């Protein structure tokens, strides 16, 4: 009876940093590593995927803050544009 190849085990994704600043710092370090050209191919892919996660996290944080910023105009609060 032929065995079917098992899927390669995937490690759980690392947790996202608690703050925008921590995510940005990790992303900057990751970009420097990727640009160095010194990482093996499998680490390049993993780094790229992590970078995409961090970028999405940072964009989400920025959008959330932007939506919370209000400008007082007369007696009416309106979203800041």
N, C-alpha and C. Protein backbone atom coordinates (compact mmCIF):
# COMPACT_ATOMS: atom_id res chain seq x y z
N UNK A 1 0.85 -1.17 0.00
CA UNK A 1 0.00 0.00 0.00
C UNK A 1 0.89 1.23 0.00
N UNK A 2 0.66 2.13 -0.94
CA UNK A 2 1.49 3.33 -1.07
C UNK A 2 1.10 4.36 -0.03
N UNK A 3 2.11 4.98 0.51
CA UNK A 3 1.86 6.04 1.48
C UNK A 3 1.79 7.37 0.74
N UNK A 4 0.88 8.21 1.18
CA UNK A 4 0.82 9.54 0.60
C UNK A 4 1.79 10.43 1.36
N UNK A 5 2.49 11.29 0.65
CA UNK A 5 3.44 12.14 1.34
C UNK A 5 2.72 13.08 2.30
N UNK A 6 3.27 13.18 3.47
CA UNK A 6 2.69 14.07 4.48
C UNK A 6 3.09 15.50 4.16
N UNK A 7 2.20 16.39 4.44
CA UNK A 7 2.50 17.80 4.22
C UNK A 7 3.58 18.22 5.21
N UNK A 8 4.45 19.08 4.77
CA UNK A 8 5.50 19.56 5.65
C UNK A 8 4.87 20.33 6.80
N UNK A 9 5.33 20.05 8.02
CA UNK A 9 4.74 20.76 9.16
C UNK A 9 5.07 22.25 9.06
N UNK A 10 4.09 23.05 9.36
CA UNK A 10 4.31 24.49 9.32
C UNK A 10 4.36 25.01 10.74
N UNK A 11 5.34 25.84 10.98
CA UNK A 11 5.46 26.44 12.30
C UNK A 11 4.41 27.52 12.44
N UNK A 12 3.87 27.69 13.64
CA UNK A 12 2.89 28.75 13.82
C UNK A 12 3.53 30.11 13.57
N UNK A 13 2.75 31.01 13.00
CA UNK A 13 3.27 32.35 12.71
C UNK A 13 3.60 33.05 14.02
N UNK A 14 4.72 33.77 14.05
CA UNK A 14 5.05 34.49 15.28
C UNK A 14 3.99 35.55 15.56
N UNK A 15 3.78 35.81 16.83
CA UNK A 15 2.80 36.81 17.23
C UNK A 15 3.24 38.18 16.73
N UNK A 16 2.26 39.00 16.45
CA UNK A 16 2.57 40.36 16.03
C UNK A 16 3.04 41.17 17.22
N UNK A 17 3.90 42.14 17.01
CA UNK A 17 4.38 42.98 18.11
C UNK A 17 3.23 43.73 18.76
N UNK A 18 3.41 44.14 20.00
CA UNK A 18 2.32 44.82 20.72
C UNK A 18 2.07 46.25 20.26
N UNK A 19 3.05 46.88 19.63
CA UNK A 19 2.89 48.28 19.26
C UNK A 19 3.32 48.50 17.81
N UNK A 20 2.88 49.63 17.27
CA UNK A 20 3.27 50.05 15.93
C UNK A 20 4.78 50.23 15.86
N UNK A 21 5.34 50.87 16.89
CA UNK A 21 6.78 51.16 16.90
C UNK A 21 7.60 49.88 16.91
N UNK A 22 7.17 48.89 17.67
CA UNK A 22 7.89 47.61 17.72
C UNK A 22 7.79 46.89 16.38
N UNK A 23 6.62 46.95 15.75
CA UNK A 23 6.44 46.32 14.45
C UNK A 23 7.30 47.01 13.39
N UNK A 24 7.34 48.33 13.45
CA UNK A 24 8.14 49.08 12.49
C UNK A 24 9.63 48.78 12.65
N UNK A 25 10.08 48.67 13.89
CA UNK A 25 11.49 48.35 14.16
C UNK A 25 11.82 46.96 13.63
N UNK A 26 10.94 46.00 13.88
CA UNK A 26 11.18 44.64 13.36
C UNK A 26 11.18 44.64 11.84
N UNK A 27 10.25 45.38 11.24
CA UNK A 27 10.16 45.45 9.79
C UNK A 27 11.42 46.07 9.19
N UNK A 28 11.93 47.12 9.80
CA UNK A 28 13.15 47.75 9.30
C UNK A 28 14.34 46.80 9.37
N UNK A 29 14.46 46.04 10.46
CA UNK A 29 15.52 45.06 10.58
C UNK A 29 15.39 43.95 9.56
N UNK A 30 14.16 43.54 9.33
CA UNK A 30 13.89 42.49 8.36
C UNK A 30 14.24 42.94 6.95
N UNK A 31 13.89 44.16 6.61
CA UNK A 31 14.22 44.70 5.29
C UNK A 31 15.73 44.74 5.10
N UNK A 32 16.45 45.18 6.13
CA UNK A 32 17.91 45.22 6.05
C UNK A 32 18.48 43.83 5.80
N UNK A 33 17.94 42.82 6.49
CA UNK A 33 18.40 41.44 6.30
C UNK A 33 18.12 40.95 4.88
N UNK A 34 16.91 41.25 4.40
CA UNK A 34 16.54 40.81 3.06
C UNK A 34 17.40 41.49 2.00
N UNK A 35 17.69 42.77 2.19
CA UNK A 35 18.48 43.50 1.22
C UNK A 35 19.96 43.13 1.25
N UNK A 36 20.41 42.52 2.33
CA UNK A 36 21.82 42.18 2.44
C UNK A 36 22.23 41.10 1.44
N UNK A 37 21.26 40.28 1.04
CA UNK A 37 21.56 39.21 0.10
C UNK A 37 22.28 38.04 0.74
N UNK A 38 22.33 37.99 2.04
CA UNK A 38 23.06 36.94 2.74
C UNK A 38 22.17 35.82 3.27
N UNK A 39 20.85 35.91 3.08
CA UNK A 39 19.95 34.90 3.61
C UNK A 39 19.74 33.78 2.60
N UNK A 40 19.65 32.53 3.08
CA UNK A 40 19.31 31.42 2.19
C UNK A 40 17.89 31.61 1.65
N UNK A 41 17.59 30.95 0.56
CA UNK A 41 16.32 31.11 -0.14
C UNK A 41 15.12 30.86 0.76
N UNK A 42 15.15 29.80 1.57
CA UNK A 42 13.99 29.51 2.43
C UNK A 42 13.78 30.61 3.47
N UNK A 43 14.86 31.19 3.96
CA UNK A 43 14.73 32.29 4.91
C UNK A 43 14.25 33.57 4.22
N UNK A 44 14.59 33.73 2.95
CA UNK A 44 14.08 34.88 2.20
C UNK A 44 12.56 34.82 2.11
N UNK A 45 12.03 33.65 1.80
CA UNK A 45 10.58 33.50 1.69
C UNK A 45 9.91 33.75 3.04
N UNK A 46 10.46 33.17 4.09
CA UNK A 46 9.90 33.36 5.42
C UNK A 46 9.97 34.83 5.81
N UNK A 47 11.09 35.48 5.52
CA UNK A 47 11.24 36.89 5.83
C UNK A 47 10.26 37.75 5.06
N UNK A 48 10.05 37.42 3.80
CA UNK A 48 9.11 38.16 2.97
C UNK A 48 7.69 38.04 3.54
N UNK A 49 7.32 36.82 3.92
CA UNK A 49 5.99 36.59 4.48
C UNK A 49 5.81 37.35 5.79
N UNK A 50 6.83 37.32 6.65
CA UNK A 50 6.75 38.05 7.91
C UNK A 50 6.65 39.55 7.64
N UNK A 51 7.43 40.02 6.68
CA UNK A 51 7.37 41.43 6.32
C UNK A 51 5.99 41.85 5.86
N UNK A 52 5.33 41.00 5.09
CA UNK A 52 3.98 41.30 4.63
C UNK A 52 3.01 41.38 5.81
N UNK A 53 3.19 40.49 6.80
CA UNK A 53 2.35 40.54 8.00
C UNK A 53 2.57 41.84 8.77
N UNK A 54 3.84 42.19 8.95
CA UNK A 54 4.17 43.40 9.70
C UNK A 54 3.68 44.65 8.98
N UNK A 55 3.81 44.66 7.67
CA UNK A 55 3.34 45.80 6.88
C UNK A 55 1.83 45.97 7.02
N UNK A 56 1.09 44.87 6.93
CA UNK A 56 -0.36 44.93 7.08
C UNK A 56 -0.73 45.41 8.49
N UNK A 57 -0.01 44.95 9.49
CA UNK A 57 -0.25 45.36 10.87
C UNK A 57 -0.04 46.86 11.02
N UNK A 58 1.08 47.36 10.48
CA UNK A 58 1.40 48.79 10.58
C UNK A 58 0.36 49.64 9.84
N UNK A 59 -0.02 49.20 8.66
CA UNK A 59 -1.03 49.94 7.89
C UNK A 59 -2.35 49.99 8.66
N UNK A 60 -2.72 48.88 9.26
CA UNK A 60 -3.96 48.83 10.04
C UNK A 60 -3.92 49.78 11.23
N UNK A 61 -2.78 49.81 11.92
CA UNK A 61 -2.64 50.71 13.07
C UNK A 61 -2.74 52.16 12.62
N UNK A 62 -2.07 52.51 11.52
CA UNK A 62 -2.11 53.88 11.01
C UNK A 62 -3.53 54.27 10.61
N UNK A 63 -4.23 53.37 9.96
CA UNK A 63 -5.61 53.67 9.55
C UNK A 63 -6.50 53.86 10.77
N UNK A 64 -6.31 53.04 11.80
CA UNK A 64 -7.12 53.16 13.01
C UNK A 64 -6.89 54.51 13.69
N UNK A 65 -5.64 54.92 13.76
CA UNK A 65 -5.32 56.20 14.39
C UNK A 65 -5.87 57.34 13.54
N UNK A 66 -5.71 57.24 12.25
CA UNK A 66 -6.22 58.28 11.35
C UNK A 66 -7.72 58.45 11.51
N UNK A 67 -8.43 57.34 11.68
CA UNK A 67 -9.88 57.40 11.85
C UNK A 67 -10.27 58.00 13.19
N UNK A 68 -9.39 57.96 14.18
CA UNK A 68 -9.70 58.49 15.50
C UNK A 68 -9.39 59.97 15.63
N UNK A 69 -8.54 60.47 14.75
CA UNK A 69 -8.17 61.88 14.84
C UNK A 69 -9.33 62.73 14.38
N UNK A 70 -9.68 63.66 15.21
CA UNK A 70 -10.79 64.55 14.88
C UNK A 70 -10.30 65.98 14.93
N UNK A 71 -10.90 66.80 14.12
CA UNK A 71 -10.58 68.21 14.10
C UNK A 71 -11.81 68.96 14.59
N UNK A 72 -11.61 69.83 15.54
CA UNK A 72 -12.72 70.61 16.06
C UNK A 72 -12.94 71.80 15.13
N UNK A 73 -14.11 71.83 14.53
CA UNK A 73 -14.45 72.90 13.61
C UNK A 73 -15.78 73.48 14.05
N UNK A 74 -15.72 74.68 14.66
CA UNK A 74 -16.93 75.27 15.23
C UNK A 74 -17.35 74.43 16.41
N UNK A 75 -18.59 74.02 16.42
CA UNK A 75 -19.07 73.16 17.51
C UNK A 75 -19.23 71.72 17.04
N UNK A 76 -18.74 71.42 15.85
CA UNK A 76 -18.92 70.11 15.25
C UNK A 76 -17.60 69.37 15.13
N UNK A 77 -17.58 68.12 15.58
CA UNK A 77 -16.41 67.27 15.38
C UNK A 77 -16.56 66.55 14.06
N UNK A 78 -15.52 66.53 13.29
CA UNK A 78 -15.56 65.80 12.03
C UNK A 78 -14.25 65.05 11.85
N UNK A 79 -14.27 63.97 11.06
CA UNK A 79 -13.02 63.22 10.83
C UNK A 79 -11.97 64.11 10.19
N UNK A 80 -10.74 63.89 10.58
CA UNK A 80 -9.62 64.66 10.01
C UNK A 80 -9.31 64.12 8.64
N UNK A 81 -9.16 65.00 7.68
CA UNK A 81 -8.86 64.56 6.31
C UNK A 81 -7.52 65.08 5.85
